[in-house]
Amino acid sequence: MTIRLLLNGKKAAQDDIRQAVTQLRREGHRIEVRVTWEAGDIDRLVAEACEQGVQRIIAGGGDGTVNEVVDSILRKKGTHVELAILPLGTANDFASACTIPTSPYDALKLALTGQAFPVDAAKANQRYFINIATAGFGAQVTANTPIPLKNFLGGGAYTLSGLVQAINFQPFQGTVKYDGHSIDSHIVIGAVCNGRMAGGGQALAPTAYIDDGYLDVVSLEEFAPSDIPVVLDELLQEDDFTGQFVKRNRVRHIEWVSDSLMPTNLDGEPMADTTITFSIQPLAVRLVLPESCPLLFNNRPV
């Protein structure tokens, strides 16, 4: 099997990554390495890998790098290529939820020897993602958190940045359409989830699976200060609870329509549009995972 690591150039100088690659080669594993330099490199390198018959790509970077690789593979219809992950980001939400090891050696060993499972991807308009799309306030927090703050505080930077930005936040008004319903909405934060975690370890959809053919959608509607006790109570309810302010649904297709741009963040990649259509892409990616991965519905331990 030809296996190629597509490594985020910002991480290429890390000693632990170089040591892990060297050690695994000494153990007899074949692993090719390509390093990104500028925007568009991931797309070019994925196209190159598909053309050259590479059978497994390792995405070496954070959630944004994984998202870029998934988007490129699916747009190029390279579904014969298996995907593995070397988590090197600040939060690594998707990899963490999948229980992919965090040490470069262990993550690469899994990437080289692990089993690939068919898993779902999601689509937002013409862009693909694999974990979670956050919208409204959540997208603003992720997009506007300064990199030095993320590096200094880790995942906690999202919480701190969110508290600061919440002071001047205004809800987004629009219409949500799904399963024959059309509902006027004033969203503070929304999330369309294939995976479970975003924003530095926040479990937005604790019971989501990545191979069940559904998207888990959660949103928080506009509320007044006097409503805070109710909001807190609803947030503490069961994972499938839907209340006055906290809404949860499981869908295959959902659409947001508004007059103003809705800021949205796809696994670290920002987008904004007045109409955003989300849909599930069943079993579209062959992803290397630990056999005991808790996000697998069809392969979870009995």
C-alpha atoms as a PDB file:
ATOM      1  CA  MET A   1       0.000   0.000   0.000  1.00  0.00           C
ATOM      2  CA  THR A   2       1.285   3.468  -0.932  1.00  0.00           C
ATOM      3  CA  ILE A   3       0.760   5.819   1.998  1.00  0.00           C
ATOM      4  CA  ARG A   4       1.452   9.530   1.803  1.00  0.00           C
ATOM      5  CA  LEU A   5       1.525  12.081   4.620  1.00  0.00           C
ATOM      6  CA  LEU A   6       0.291  15.541   3.634  1.00  0.00           C
ATOM      7  CA  LEU A   7       1.849  17.657   6.370  1.00  0.00           C
ATOM      8  CA  ASN A   8       0.866  21.206   7.244  1.00  0.00           C
ATOM      9  CA  GLY A   9       4.017  23.228   6.570  1.00  0.00           C
ATOM     10  CA  LYS A  10       3.714  25.057   9.888  1.00  0.00           C
ATOM     11  CA  LYS A  11       4.323  21.739  11.670  1.00  0.00           C
ATOM     12  CA  ALA A  12       7.075  20.358   9.439  1.00  0.00           C
ATOM     13  CA  ALA A  13       9.931  21.400  11.720  1.00  0.00           C
ATOM     14  CA  GLN A  14       8.591  19.645  14.823  1.00  0.00           C
ATOM     15  CA  ASP A  15      11.164  17.178  16.109  1.00  0.00           C
ATOM     16  CA  ASP A  16       8.606  14.660  17.375  1.00  0.00           C
ATOM     17  CA  ILE A  17       7.067  14.343  13.902  1.00  0.00           C
ATOM     18  CA  ARG A  18      10.444  13.853  12.221  1.00  0.00           C
ATOM     19  CA  GLN A  19      11.450  11.317  14.869  1.00  0.00           C
ATOM     20  CA  ALA A  20       8.177   9.411  14.470  1.00  0.00           C
ATOM     21  CA  VAL A  21       8.496   9.194  10.679  1.00  0.00           C
ATOM     22  CA  THR A  22      12.157   8.117  10.960  1.00  0.00           C
ATOM     23  CA  GLN A  23      11.381   5.457  13.576  1.00  0.00           C
ATOM     24  CA  LEU A  24       8.481   3.994  11.603  1.00  0.00           C
ATOM     25  CA  ARG A  25      10.622   3.800   8.473  1.00  0.00           C
ATOM     26  CA  ARG A  26      13.268   1.948  10.481  1.00  0.00           C
ATOM     27  CA  GLU A  27      10.559  -0.490  11.538  1.00  0.00           C
ATOM     28  CA  GLY A  28       9.913  -1.257   7.892  1.00  0.00           C
ATOM     29  CA  HIS A  29       6.931   0.988   7.138  1.00  0.00           C
ATOM     30  CA  ARG A  30       6.855   2.911   3.888  1.00  0.00           C
ATOM     31  CA  ILE A  31       5.592   6.460   4.257  1.00  0.00           C
ATOM     32  CA  GLU A  32       5.989   9.303   1.778  1.00  0.00           C
ATOM     33  CA  VAL A  33       5.859  12.926   2.974  1.00  0.00           C
ATOM     34  CA  ARG A  34       4.637  16.049   1.195  1.00  0.00           C
ATOM     35  CA  VAL A  35       4.672  19.445   2.940  1.00  0.00           C
ATOM     36  CA  THR A  36       2.351  22.378   2.240  1.00  0.00           C
ATOM     37  CA  TRP A  37       3.725  25.864   1.649  1.00  0.00           C
ATOM     38  CA  GLU A  38       0.829  28.076   0.570  1.00  0.00           C
ATOM     39  CA  ALA A  39      -2.931  28.175   0.045  1.00  0.00           C
ATOM     40  CA  GLY A  40      -4.151  25.610  -2.453  1.00  0.00           C
ATOM     41  CA  ASP A  41      -1.371  23.099  -1.780  1.00  0.00           C
ATOM     42  CA  ILE A  42      -3.667  20.538  -0.153  1.00  0.00           C
ATOM     43  CA  ASP A  43      -5.951  20.506  -3.175  1.00  0.00           C
ATOM     44  CA  ARG A  44      -2.980  20.118  -5.516  1.00  0.00           C
ATOM     45  CA  LEU A  45      -1.371  17.390  -3.409  1.00  0.00           C
ATOM     46  CA  VAL A  46      -4.607  15.407  -3.109  1.00  0.00           C
ATOM     47  CA  ALA A  47      -5.066  15.574  -6.894  1.00  0.00           C
ATOM     48  CA  GLU A  48      -1.489  14.399  -7.342  1.00  0.00           C
ATOM     49  CA  ALA A  49      -2.001  11.517  -4.909  1.00  0.00           C
ATOM     50  CA  CYS A  50      -5.191  10.395  -6.675  1.00  0.00           C
ATOM     51  CA  GLU A  51      -3.489  10.507 -10.086  1.00  0.00           C
ATOM     52  CA  GLN A  52      -0.470   8.553  -8.831  1.00  0.00           C
ATOM     53  CA  GLY A  53      -2.514   5.754  -7.275  1.00  0.00           C
ATOM     54  CA  VAL A  54      -1.821   6.564  -3.617  1.00  0.00           C
ATOM     55  CA  GLN A  55      -4.071   4.291  -1.583  1.00  0.00           C
ATOM     56  CA  ARG A  56      -4.028   6.089   1.767  1.00  0.00           C
ATOM     57  CA  ILE A  57      -3.549   9.778   2.602  1.00  0.00           C
ATOM     58  CA  ILE A  58      -2.629  10.955   6.087  1.00  0.00           C
ATOM     59  CA  ALA A  59      -3.858  14.472   6.884  1.00  0.00           C
ATOM     60  CA  GLY A  60      -1.189  15.965   9.157  1.00  0.00           C
ATOM     61  CA  GLY A  61      -2.564  19.106  10.805  1.00  0.00           C
ATOM     62  CA  GLY A  62      -5.540  20.445  12.705  1.00  0.00           C
ATOM     63  CA  ASP A  63      -9.267  20.207  12.025  1.00  0.00           C
ATOM     64  CA  GLY A  64      -8.902  22.697   9.163  1.00  0.00           C
ATOM     65  CA  THR A  65      -6.327  20.520   7.401  1.00  0.00           C
ATOM     66  CA  VAL A  66      -8.513  17.426   7.789  1.00  0.00           C
ATOM     67  CA  ASN A  67     -11.440  19.399   6.384  1.00  0.00           C
ATOM     68  CA  GLU A  68      -9.386  20.534   3.369  1.00  0.00           C
ATOM     69  CA  VAL A  69      -8.330  16.966   2.597  1.00  0.00           C
ATOM     70  CA  VAL A  70     -11.876  15.597   2.922  1.00  0.00           C
ATOM     71  CA  ASP A  71     -13.279  18.380   0.736  1.00  0.00           C
ATOM     72  CA  SER A  72     -10.627  17.806  -1.919  1.00  0.00           C
ATOM     73  CA  ILE A  73     -11.022  14.006  -1.949  1.00  0.00           C
ATOM     74  CA  LEU A  74     -14.793  14.207  -2.373  1.00  0.00           C
ATOM     75  CA  ARG A  75     -14.758  16.970  -4.977  1.00  0.00           C
ATOM     76  CA  LYS A  76     -12.272  14.907  -7.002  1.00  0.00           C
ATOM     77  CA  LYS A  77     -14.366  11.776  -6.447  1.00  0.00           C
ATOM     78  CA  GLY A  78     -11.315  10.068  -5.011  1.00  0.00           C
ATOM     79  CA  THR A  79     -13.365   7.876  -2.708  1.00  0.00           C
ATOM     80  CA  HIS A  80     -11.041   4.928  -3.411  1.00  0.00           C
ATOM     81  CA  VAL A  81      -8.400   6.769  -1.336  1.00  0.00           C
ATOM     82  CA  GLU A  82      -8.430   5.999   2.367  1.00  0.00           C
ATOM     83  CA  LEU A  83      -7.926   8.816   4.870  1.00  0.00           C
ATOM     84  CA  ALA A  84      -5.993   8.769   8.149  1.00  0.00           C
ATOM     85  CA  ILE A  85      -5.311  11.602  10.585  1.00  0.00           C
ATOM     86  CA  LEU A  86      -2.183  12.867  12.327  1.00  0.00           C
ATOM     87  CA  PRO A  87      -3.702  15.429  14.748  1.00  0.00           C
ATOM     88  CA  LEU A  88      -1.473  18.499  15.058  1.00  0.00           C
ATOM     89  CA  GLY A  89      -3.905  21.354  15.706  1.00  0.00           C
ATOM     90  CA  THR A  90      -4.811  23.389  18.779  1.00  0.00           C
ATOM     91  CA  ALA A  91      -8.035  21.549  19.579  1.00  0.00           C
ATOM     92  CA  ASN A  92      -8.115  18.477  17.273  1.00  0.00           C
ATOM     93  CA  ASP A  93     -11.815  18.127  18.048  1.00  0.00           C
ATOM     94  CA  PHE A  94     -12.619  15.485  15.446  1.00  0.00           C
ATOM     95  CA  ALA A  95      -9.560  13.336  16.139  1.00  0.00           C
ATOM     96  CA  SER A  96     -10.116  13.596  19.892  1.00  0.00           C
ATOM     97  CA  ALA A  97     -13.729  12.488  19.631  1.00  0.00           C
ATOM     98  CA  CYS A  98     -12.589   9.559  17.467  1.00  0.00           C
ATOM     99  CA  THR A  99      -9.961   8.648  20.141  1.00  0.00           C
ATOM    100  CA  ILE A 100      -7.151   8.909  17.594  1.00  0.00           C
ATOM    101  CA  PRO A 101      -3.841   9.056  19.534  1.00  0.00           C
ATOM    102  CA  THR A 102      -2.307  12.476  20.064  1.00  0.00           C
ATOM    103  CA  SER A 103       1.376  11.479  20.004  1.00  0.00           C
ATOM    104  CA  PRO A 104       2.840  11.605  16.474  1.00  0.00           C
ATOM    105  CA  TYR A 105       4.321   8.103  16.693  1.00  0.00           C
ATOM    106  CA  ASP A 106       1.106   6.452  17.901  1.00  0.00           C
ATOM    107  CA  ALA A 107      -1.077   8.417  15.489  1.00  0.00           C
ATOM    108  CA  LEU A 108       1.163   7.555  12.540  1.00  0.00           C
ATOM    109  CA  LYS A 109       1.359   3.904  13.593  1.00  0.00           C
ATOM    110  CA  LEU A 110      -2.453   3.766  13.550  1.00  0.00           C
ATOM    111  CA  ALA A 111      -2.483   5.611  10.209  1.00  0.00           C
ATOM    112  CA  LEU A 112      -0.125   3.052   8.707  1.00  0.00           C
ATOM    113  CA  THR A 113      -1.585  -0.154  10.141  1.00  0.00           C
ATOM    114  CA  GLY A 114      -5.188   0.625  11.148  1.00  0.00           C
ATOM    115  CA  GLN A 115      -8.414  -0.443   9.500  1.00  0.00           C
ATOM    116  CA  ALA A 116     -10.388   2.000   7.331  1.00  0.00           C
ATOM    117  CA  PHE A 117     -14.107   2.269   8.124  1.00  0.00           C
ATOM    118  CA  PRO A 118     -16.739   3.796   5.810  1.00  0.00           C
ATOM    119  CA  VAL A 119     -18.038   6.971   7.457  1.00  0.00           C
ATOM    120  CA  ASP A 120     -20.372   9.820   6.552  1.00  0.00           C
ATOM    121  CA  ALA A 121     -19.352  13.281   5.418  1.00  0.00           C
ATOM    122  CA  ALA A 122     -21.500  16.395   5.268  1.00  0.00           C
ATOM    123  CA  LYS A 123     -21.996  19.036   2.612  1.00  0.00           C
ATOM    124  CA  ALA A 124     -22.695  22.763   2.988  1.00  0.00           C
ATOM    125  CA  ASN A 125     -23.701  24.154  -0.399  1.00  0.00           C
ATOM    126  CA  GLN A 126     -20.764  23.010  -2.561  1.00  0.00           C
ATOM    127  CA  ARG A 127     -18.256  22.412   0.245  1.00  0.00           C
ATOM    128  CA  TYR A 128     -17.703  19.175   2.139  1.00  0.00           C
ATOM    129  CA  PHE A 129     -16.767  18.712   5.787  1.00  0.00           C
ATOM    130  CA  ILE A 130     -16.538  15.784   8.164  1.00  0.00           C
ATOM    131  CA  ASN A 131     -17.001  17.087  11.700  1.00  0.00           C
ATOM    132  CA  ILE A 132     -19.159  20.101  12.603  1.00  0.00           C
ATOM    133  CA  ALA A 133     -20.364  23.311  11.006  1.00  0.00           C
ATOM    134  CA  THR A 134     -21.015  26.070  13.522  1.00  0.00           C
ATOM    135  CA  ALA A 135     -23.132  29.069  12.590  1.00  0.00           C
ATOM    136  CA  GLY A 136     -23.902  32.478  14.051  1.00  0.00           C
ATOM    137  CA  PHE A 137     -22.095  33.333  17.259  1.00  0.00           C
ATOM    138  CA  GLY A 138     -20.220  30.019  17.312  1.00  0.00           C
ATOM    139  CA  ALA A 139     -18.690  30.681  13.896  1.00  0.00           C
ATOM    140  CA  GLN A 140     -17.652  34.193  14.919  1.00  0.00           C
ATOM    141  CA  VAL A 141     -15.884  32.872  18.014  1.00  0.00           C
ATOM    142  CA  THR A 142     -13.898  30.294  16.041  1.00  0.00           C
ATOM    143  CA  ALA A 143     -13.016  32.649  13.191  1.00  0.00           C
ATOM    144  CA  ASN A 144     -12.095  35.634  15.352  1.00  0.00           C
ATOM    145  CA  THR A 145     -10.040  33.942  18.058  1.00  0.00           C
ATOM    146  CA  PRO A 146      -6.439  35.170  17.519  1.00  0.00           C
ATOM    147  CA  ILE A 147      -3.879  32.438  16.795  1.00  0.00           C
ATOM    148  CA  PRO A 148      -1.528  33.554  19.629  1.00  0.00           C
ATOM    149  CA  LEU A 149      -4.434  33.297  22.076  1.00  0.00           C
ATOM    150  CA  LYS A 150      -5.311  29.816  20.759  1.00  0.00           C
ATOM    151  CA  ASN A 151      -1.693  28.712  21.144  1.00  0.00           C
ATOM    152  CA  PHE A 152      -1.406  30.157  24.645  1.00  0.00           C
ATOM    153  CA  LEU A 153      -4.684  28.903  26.095  1.00  0.00           C
ATOM    154  CA  GLY A 154      -5.385  25.884  23.915  1.00  0.00           C
ATOM    155  CA  GLY A 155      -9.075  25.001  23.592  1.00  0.00           C
ATOM    156  CA  GLY A 156      -9.952  27.353  26.464  1.00  0.00           C
ATOM    157  CA  ALA A 157      -9.287  30.284  24.145  1.00  0.00           C
ATOM    158  CA  TYR A 158     -12.622  29.683  22.446  1.00  0.00           C
ATOM    159  CA  THR A 159     -14.505  30.023  25.732  1.00  0.00           C
ATOM    160  CA  LEU A 160     -12.664  33.201  26.732  1.00  0.00           C
ATOM    161  CA  SER A 161     -13.047  34.745  23.286  1.00  0.00           C
ATOM    162  CA  GLY A 162     -16.718  33.818  23.294  1.00  0.00           C
ATOM    163  CA  LEU A 163     -17.411  35.571  26.575  1.00  0.00           C
ATOM    164  CA  VAL A 164     -15.769  38.758  25.316  1.00  0.00           C
ATOM    165  CA  GLN A 165     -17.634  38.749  21.994  1.00  0.00           C
ATOM    166  CA  ALA A 166     -21.003  37.888  23.540  1.00  0.00           C
ATOM    167  CA  ILE A 167     -21.312  41.371  24.996  1.00  0.00           C
ATOM    168  CA  ASN A 168     -22.190  42.896  21.626  1.00  0.00           C
ATOM    169  CA  PHE A 169     -23.706  39.889  19.869  1.00  0.00           C
ATOM    170  CA  GLN A 170     -26.964  40.153  17.872  1.00  0.00           C
ATOM    171  CA  PRO A 171     -28.955  37.019  16.897  1.00  0.00           C
ATOM    172  CA  PHE A 172     -29.363  36.085  13.221  1.00  0.00           C
ATOM    173  CA  GLN A 173     -32.881  36.101  11.786  1.00  0.00           C
ATOM    174  CA  GLY A 174     -33.931  33.644   9.112  1.00  0.00           C
ATOM    175  CA  THR A 175     -35.943  30.565   8.209  1.00  0.00           C
ATOM    176  CA  VAL A 176     -34.977  26.964   8.892  1.00  0.00           C
ATOM    177  CA  LYS A 177     -36.387  24.308   6.555  1.00  0.00           C
ATOM    178  CA  TYR A 178     -36.188  20.562   7.250  1.00  0.00           C
ATOM    179  CA  ASP A 179     -38.375  17.462   6.970  1.00  0.00           C
ATOM    180  CA  GLY A 180     -41.306  19.444   5.571  1.00  0.00           C
ATOM    181  CA  HIS A 181     -41.090  22.114   8.286  1.00  0.00           C
ATOM    182  CA  SER A 182     -40.423  25.823   7.741  1.00  0.00           C
ATOM    183  CA  ILE A 183     -39.683  27.710  10.967  1.00  0.00           C
ATOM    184  CA  ASP A 184     -38.801  31.353  11.564  1.00  0.00           C
ATOM    185  CA  SER A 185     -35.722  31.496  13.763  1.00  0.00           C
ATOM    186  CA  HIS A 186     -33.576  33.969  15.705  1.00  0.00           C
ATOM    187  CA  ILE A 187     -30.383  31.975  16.184  1.00  0.00           C
ATOM    188  CA  VAL A 188     -27.693  32.819  18.715  1.00  0.00           C
ATOM    189  CA  ILE A 189     -25.640  29.745  17.862  1.00  0.00           C
ATOM    190  CA  GLY A 190     -26.293  26.778  15.654  1.00  0.00           C
ATOM    191  CA  ALA A 191     -24.358  23.631  14.856  1.00  0.00           C
ATOM    192  CA  VAL A 192     -24.813  20.981  12.184  1.00  0.00           C
ATOM    193  CA  CYS A 193     -22.975  17.945  13.482  1.00  0.00           C
ATOM    194  CA  ASN A 194     -21.635  14.819  11.869  1.00  0.00           C
ATOM    195  CA  GLY A 195     -19.097  14.428  14.691  1.00  0.00           C
ATOM    196  CA  ARG A 196     -19.499  15.355  18.340  1.00  0.00           C
ATOM    197  CA  MET A 197     -17.074  18.085  19.412  1.00  0.00           C
ATOM    198  CA  ALA A 198     -16.077  21.575  18.299  1.00  0.00           C
ATOM    199  CA  GLY A 199     -14.677  24.792  19.746  1.00  0.00           C
ATOM    200  CA  GLY A 200     -11.907  23.186  21.765  1.00  0.00           C
ATOM    201  CA  GLY A 201     -13.576  20.127  23.254  1.00  0.00           C
ATOM    202  CA  GLN A 202     -17.190  21.321  23.535  1.00  0.00           C
ATOM    203  CA  ALA A 203     -19.504  18.321  23.071  1.00  0.00           C
ATOM    204  CA  LEU A 204     -22.237  19.838  20.903  1.00  0.00           C
ATOM    205  CA  ALA A 205     -23.744  16.496  19.861  1.00  0.00           C
ATOM    206  CA  PRO A 206     -22.684  13.927  22.492  1.00  0.00           C
ATOM    207  CA  THR A 207     -24.588  11.024  20.900  1.00  0.00           C
ATOM    208  CA  ALA A 208     -23.763  11.685  17.235  1.00  0.00           C
ATOM    209  CA  TYR A 209     -22.273   8.920  15.102  1.00  0.00           C
ATOM    210  CA  ILE A 210     -20.255   9.311  11.923  1.00  0.00           C
ATOM    211  CA  ASP A 211     -21.753   6.325  10.110  1.00  0.00           C
ATOM    212  CA  ASP A 212     -25.481   6.536  10.902  1.00  0.00           C
ATOM    213  CA  GLY A 213     -26.663   8.548   7.879  1.00  0.00           C
ATOM    214  CA  TYR A 214     -27.849  11.532   9.925  1.00  0.00           C
ATOM    215  CA  LEU A 215     -26.779  15.023  10.901  1.00  0.00           C
ATOM    216  CA  ASP A 216     -27.404  16.073  14.507  1.00  0.00           C
ATOM    217  CA  VAL A 217     -28.543  19.706  14.582  1.00  0.00           C
ATOM    218  CA  VAL A 218     -28.499  21.821  17.737  1.00  0.00           C
ATOM    219  CA  SER A 219     -29.303  25.509  18.105  1.00  0.00           C
ATOM    220  CA  LEU A 220     -29.848  28.121  20.772  1.00  0.00           C
ATOM    221  CA  GLU A 221     -32.605  30.651  20.059  1.00  0.00           C
ATOM    222  CA  GLU A 222     -32.612  34.294  21.156  1.00  0.00           C
ATOM    223  CA  PHE A 223     -33.395  34.774  24.838  1.00  0.00           C
ATOM    224  CA  ALA A 224     -33.759  37.640  27.320  1.00  0.00           C
ATOM    225  CA  PRO A 225     -31.755  37.914  30.561  1.00  0.00           C
ATOM    226  CA  SER A 226     -34.882  36.846  32.458  1.00  0.00           C
ATOM    227  CA  ASP A 227     -34.917  33.601  30.453  1.00  0.00           C
ATOM    228  CA  ILE A 228     -31.458  32.495  31.570  1.00  0.00           C
ATOM    229  CA  PRO A 229     -32.720  30.029  34.247  1.00  0.00           C
ATOM    230  CA  VAL A 230     -34.878  28.296  31.604  1.00  0.00           C
ATOM    231  CA  VAL A 231     -32.003  28.230  29.096  1.00  0.00           C
ATOM    232  CA  LEU A 232     -29.656  26.687  31.657  1.00  0.00           C
ATOM    233  CA  ASP A 233     -32.261  24.092  32.597  1.00  0.00           C
ATOM    234  CA  GLU A 234     -32.785  23.146  28.931  1.00  0.00           C
ATOM    235  CA  LEU A 235     -29.051  22.843  28.341  1.00  0.00           C
ATOM    236  CA  LEU A 236     -28.858  20.326  31.187  1.00  0.00           C
ATOM    237  CA  GLN A 237     -31.588  18.078  29.782  1.00  0.00           C
ATOM    238  CA  GLU A 238     -31.078  14.808  27.901  1.00  0.00           C
ATOM    239  CA  ASP A 239     -29.196  14.948  24.609  1.00  0.00           C
ATOM    240  CA  ASP A 240     -32.385  14.513  22.540  1.00  0.00           C
ATOM    241  CA  PHE A 241     -34.342  17.205  24.429  1.00  0.00           C
ATOM    242  CA  THR A 242     -35.909  20.108  22.485  1.00  0.00           C
ATOM    243  CA  GLY A 243     -37.293  23.056  24.422  1.00  0.00           C
ATOM    244  CA  GLN A 244     -38.269  26.689  24.037  1.00  0.00           C
ATOM    245  CA  PHE A 245     -34.722  27.940  23.439  1.00  0.00           C
ATOM    246  CA  VAL A 246     -32.552  24.848  22.943  1.00  0.00           C
ATOM    247  CA  LYS A 247     -33.517  22.952  19.786  1.00  0.00           C
ATOM    248  CA  ARG A 248     -32.204  19.518  18.750  1.00  0.00           C
ATOM    249  CA  ASN A 249     -33.056  17.473  15.680  1.00  0.00           C
ATOM    250  CA  ARG A 250     -31.650  14.616  13.599  1.00  0.00           C
ATOM    251  CA  VAL A 251     -31.950  15.212   9.858  1.00  0.00           C
ATOM    252  CA  ARG A 252     -30.532  14.193   6.500  1.00  0.00           C
ATOM    253  CA  HIS A 253     -31.096  17.610   4.966  1.00  0.00           C
ATOM    254  CA  ILE A 254     -31.599  21.105   6.433  1.00  0.00           C
ATOM    255  CA  GLU A 255     -31.604  24.585   4.905  1.00  0.00           C
ATOM    256  CA  TRP A 256     -31.040  28.070   6.335  1.00  0.00           C
ATOM    257  CA  VAL A 257     -32.473  31.072   4.447  1.00  0.00           C
ATOM    258  CA  SER A 258     -32.036  34.719   5.472  1.00  0.00           C
ATOM    259  CA  ASP A 259     -31.686  38.227   4.061  1.00  0.00           C
ATOM    260  CA  SER A 260     -28.264  38.744   5.641  1.00  0.00           C
ATOM    261  CA  LEU A 261     -25.115  36.655   5.450  1.00  0.00           C
ATOM    262  CA  MET A 262     -24.886  33.851   7.996  1.00  0.00           C
ATOM    263  CA  PRO A 263     -21.269  33.371   9.174  1.00  0.00           C
ATOM    264  CA  THR A 264     -20.514  29.667   9.195  1.00  0.00           C
ATOM    265  CA  ASN A 265     -17.420  27.702  10.087  1.00  0.00           C
ATOM    266  CA  LEU A 266     -16.758  24.278   8.545  1.00  0.00           C
ATOM    267  CA  ASP A 267     -14.195  22.524  10.725  1.00  0.00           C
ATOM    268  CA  GLY A 268     -12.124  25.720  10.892  1.00  0.00           C
ATOM    269  CA  GLU A 269     -12.843  26.969   7.357  1.00  0.00           C
ATOM    270  CA  PRO A 270     -15.070  30.077   7.258  1.00  0.00           C
ATOM    271  CA  MET A 271     -17.898  30.657   4.796  1.00  0.00           C
ATOM    272  CA  ALA A 272     -20.881  33.016   4.669  1.00  0.00           C
ATOM    273  CA  ASP A 273     -24.056  32.975   2.587  1.00  0.00           C
ATOM    274  CA  THR A 274     -27.711  33.942   2.786  1.00  0.00           C
ATOM    275  CA  THR A 275     -28.834  30.421   1.879  1.00  0.00           C
ATOM    276  CA  ILE A 276     -26.941  27.408   3.166  1.00  0.00           C
ATOM    277  CA  THR A 277     -28.091  23.866   2.444  1.00  0.00           C
ATOM    278  CA  PHE A 278     -26.642  21.093   4.590  1.00  0.00           C
ATOM    279  CA  SER A 279     -26.925  17.444   3.602  1.00  0.00           C
ATOM    280  CA  ILE A 280     -25.484  14.133   4.730  1.00  0.00           C
ATOM    281  CA  GLN A 281     -23.189  12.194   2.393  1.00  0.00           C
ATOM    282  CA  PRO A 282     -23.630   8.601   3.613  1.00  0.00           C
ATOM    283  CA  LEU A 283     -20.474   6.485   3.922  1.00  0.00           C
ATOM    284  CA  ALA A 284     -18.585   8.782   1.545  1.00  0.00           C
ATOM    285  CA  VAL A 285     -15.159   8.552   3.224  1.00  0.00           C
ATOM    286  CA  ARG A 286     -13.014   5.559   4.175  1.00  0.00           C
ATOM    287  CA  LEU A 287     -11.441   6.712   7.429  1.00  0.00           C
ATOM    288  CA  VAL A 288      -8.750   4.941   9.469  1.00  0.00           C
ATOM    289  CA  LEU A 289      -9.931   4.691  13.070  1.00  0.00           C
ATOM    290  CA  PRO A 290      -9.277   2.737  16.248  1.00  0.00           C
ATOM    291  CA  GLU A 291     -11.486  -0.358  16.293  1.00  0.00           C
ATOM    292  CA  SER A 292     -13.085   0.856  19.534  1.00  0.00           C
ATOM    293  CA  CYS A 293     -13.899   4.317  18.146  1.00  0.00           C
ATOM    294  CA  PRO A 294     -17.004   5.552  20.045  1.00  0.00           C
ATOM    295  CA  LEU A 295     -18.304   7.459  16.997  1.00  0.00           C
ATOM    296  CA  LEU A 296     -18.941   4.286  15.000  1.00  0.00           C
ATOM    297  CA  PHE A 297     -22.542   3.122  15.232  1.00  0.00           C
ATOM    298  CA  ASN A 298     -22.276   0.074  12.994  1.00  0.00           C
ATOM    299  CA  ASN A 299     -18.982  -1.078  14.478  1.00  0.00           C
ATOM    300  CA  ARG A 300     -19.354  -0.113  18.122  1.00  0.00           C
ATOM    301  CA  PRO A 301     -18.490  -2.773  20.679  1.00  0.00           C
ATOM    302  CA  VAL A 302     -21.408  -4.819  22.037  1.00  0.00           C
END
